[in-house]
Amino acid sequence: KDPVFLSKVINEVVTNEDMRKVIIAAQRKRLEDFQYEKIKDTFQKYLRDFMTKYPPLNNDDSKKNYDKLYDMTEKNLEGSGKTMQFSKFALRTIASRQAESTDVTELINSGCSAHEFIEAFFLTFFGTMPSETDFEYWENDEKTRGREAFLHTMLEYARSAETRISGGARMLYSPY
């Protein structure tokens, strides 16, 4: 495969000039399969196909980017018989944090469902998914006492929670 090494070997071993020319011609013919242009074209075709199949993310709209990533991951998981463990809203909430700080007012005003809020809340402040019992408890709290009381109680719970404090998750702009 190395033409320089091969030519040195040929010069040392082959003394017949005609035989040397035949070997060199055969080697050149064999190397045509490894031409740069052929490799470049193949690689460019692969890249074009990849870009068509998986278009690049748009830096102007991070919400759309995270939705795209979520959808791609969800599709791949479904192909293997699995499901995503959290919602798009929870992913966007975690991704929008700035250095372990979360804007609580933005989270409250997001218009999400109680289930999505609980999920994003636990992932953001405690770094874990809520259990079924957590979902049941907090969703029931929201239904019985109303959204405002539910939000106030959840935020008070997080404000003094040792796991949030020791984990370094900061709550910014809380209205409560």
Foldseek 3Di string as FASTA:
>chain_A
DDPVVVLVVCVVPPDDPVVSVVVVVVVVVVCVVVDPVVVVVVVVVVVVVVCVVPPDDDPVDVLVVLVSVQVVVQVVQVVVVHGDPADSLLVVQQVPDDPLEHELVCLLPVPDDQQNSQQNLCCSQQVDGDDPVSSVVLVVVCVPVHDVVSSVVSVVCSVPDPNSVVVPRHYPNDPD
